[in-house]
């Protein structure tokens, strides 16, 4: 019985250490995919991220990122704009909307 208890505890400890956590490389790859998708969805020239992404819980499944760039349309006269990009991690899709948070430049 003592052997069985020791074996059971050992198995439980080994199983708890085998959590399915993502590696830092997997997170970096996911962020690169998000960045690429968000920059493309913005349709800006010279698009770049503003700050770091906001990572929502897996139950939500989205990350958010502000993207800034230059409007490509001629009538926009090279004005700078900002969009909020919501990235669906499971579907690997980016959705953008104009963002004006009253930021003074």
Protein backbone atom coordinates (compact mmCIF):
# COMPACT_ATOMS: atom_id res chain seq x y z
CA UNK A 1 0.00 0.00 0.00
CA UNK A 2 2.83 2.37 0.82
CA UNK A 3 4.40 1.62 -2.58
CA UNK A 4 1.09 2.30 -4.33
CA UNK A 5 0.67 5.65 -2.53
CA UNK A 6 4.20 6.70 -3.45
CA UNK A 7 3.62 5.67 -7.06
CA UNK A 8 0.33 7.57 -7.18
CA UNK A 9 1.92 10.74 -5.78
CA UNK A 10 4.82 10.49 -8.21
CA UNK A 11 2.46 10.09 -11.17
CA UNK A 12 0.38 13.05 -10.00
CA UNK A 13 3.47 15.24 -9.71
CA UNK A 14 4.71 14.23 -13.15
CA UNK A 15 1.31 14.86 -14.72
CA UNK A 16 1.02 18.30 -13.13
CA UNK A 17 4.38 19.28 -14.62
CA UNK A 18 3.17 18.36 -18.10
CA UNK A 19 0.95 21.39 -18.48
CA UNK A 20 0.26 22.49 -22.03
CA UNK A 21 1.71 25.97 -21.74
CA UNK A 22 2.74 27.70 -24.93
CA UNK A 23 6.42 28.31 -25.44
CA UNK A 24 7.76 31.83 -25.77
CA UNK A 25 8.55 31.00 -29.41
CA UNK A 26 4.89 30.10 -30.01
CA UNK A 27 3.80 33.44 -28.50
CA UNK A 28 6.35 35.30 -30.65
CA UNK A 29 5.12 33.51 -33.78
CA UNK A 30 1.50 34.34 -32.93
CA UNK A 31 2.37 38.01 -32.35
CA UNK A 32 4.21 38.16 -35.67
CA UNK A 33 1.17 36.68 -37.44
CA UNK A 34 -1.07 39.21 -35.68
CA UNK A 35 1.21 42.12 -36.59
CA UNK A 36 1.37 41.06 -40.24
CA UNK A 37 -2.42 40.61 -40.45
CA UNK A 38 -3.19 43.91 -38.68
CA UNK A 39 -0.76 45.94 -40.79
CA UNK A 40 -2.25 44.47 -43.97
CA UNK A 41 -5.84 45.04 -42.79
CA UNK A 42 -5.08 48.71 -42.05
CA UNK A 43 -4.20 49.35 -45.71
CA UNK A 44 -1.92 52.16 -44.53
CA UNK A 45 1.35 53.09 -46.16
CA UNK A 46 4.25 52.91 -43.69
CA UNK A 47 2.03 51.11 -41.16
CA UNK A 48 3.46 50.34 -37.73
CA UNK A 49 2.18 49.21 -34.36
CA UNK A 50 1.65 51.71 -31.56
CA UNK A 51 2.77 50.01 -28.39
CA UNK A 52 2.21 46.41 -27.42
CA UNK A 53 -0.89 44.32 -28.10
CA UNK A 54 -3.57 43.79 -25.48
CA UNK A 55 -4.00 40.04 -25.07
CA UNK A 56 -7.50 39.04 -24.01
CA UNK A 57 -8.21 35.77 -22.24
CA UNK A 58 -8.54 32.63 -24.36
CA UNK A 59 -12.28 32.60 -23.61
CA UNK A 60 -12.50 35.83 -25.62
CA UNK A 61 -9.89 34.74 -28.15
CA UNK A 62 -8.92 38.20 -29.38
CA UNK A 63 -5.89 40.45 -29.21
CA UNK A 64 -6.07 44.21 -29.81
CA UNK A 65 -3.45 46.44 -31.37
CA UNK A 66 -3.33 50.09 -32.42
CA UNK A 67 -1.85 50.61 -35.88
CA UNK A 68 -0.72 53.94 -37.28
CA UNK A 69 0.17 54.84 -40.83
CA UNK A 70 -0.44 57.11 -43.79
CA UNK A 71 -3.71 56.94 -45.70
CA UNK A 72 -2.95 55.71 -49.25
CA UNK A 73 -5.80 57.60 -50.93
CA UNK A 74 -4.69 60.64 -52.90
CA UNK A 75 -7.49 62.84 -51.50
CA UNK A 76 -6.26 62.16 -47.95
CA UNK A 77 -3.11 64.16 -48.81
CA UNK A 78 -0.69 61.91 -46.88
CA UNK A 79 -2.52 62.35 -43.58
CA UNK A 80 -1.67 60.04 -40.73
CA UNK A 81 -4.37 57.82 -39.29
CA UNK A 82 -4.83 55.27 -36.53
CA UNK A 83 -6.94 52.12 -36.49
CA UNK A 84 -7.79 49.66 -33.77
CA UNK A 85 -7.14 46.11 -34.94
CA UNK A 86 -8.93 43.18 -33.32
CA UNK A 87 -7.20 39.91 -34.14
CA UNK A 88 -9.07 36.62 -33.80
CA UNK A 89 -6.34 34.23 -32.69
CA UNK A 90 -8.22 31.04 -33.54
CA UNK A 91 -9.33 32.15 -37.02
CA UNK A 92 -6.16 34.22 -37.59
CA UNK A 93 -8.22 37.12 -38.95
CA UNK A 94 -7.77 40.84 -38.42
CA UNK A 95 -10.57 43.40 -38.26
CA UNK A 96 -9.93 47.15 -38.14
CA UNK A 97 -11.90 50.28 -37.36
CA UNK A 98 -10.84 53.92 -37.27
CA UNK A 99 -9.56 55.00 -33.89
CA UNK A 100 -9.60 58.54 -32.57
CA UNK A 101 -9.02 58.62 -28.86
CA UNK A 102 -8.59 62.38 -28.79
CA UNK A 103 -4.83 61.97 -28.85
CA UNK A 104 -3.15 65.32 -29.39
CA UNK A 105 -0.01 65.28 -31.49
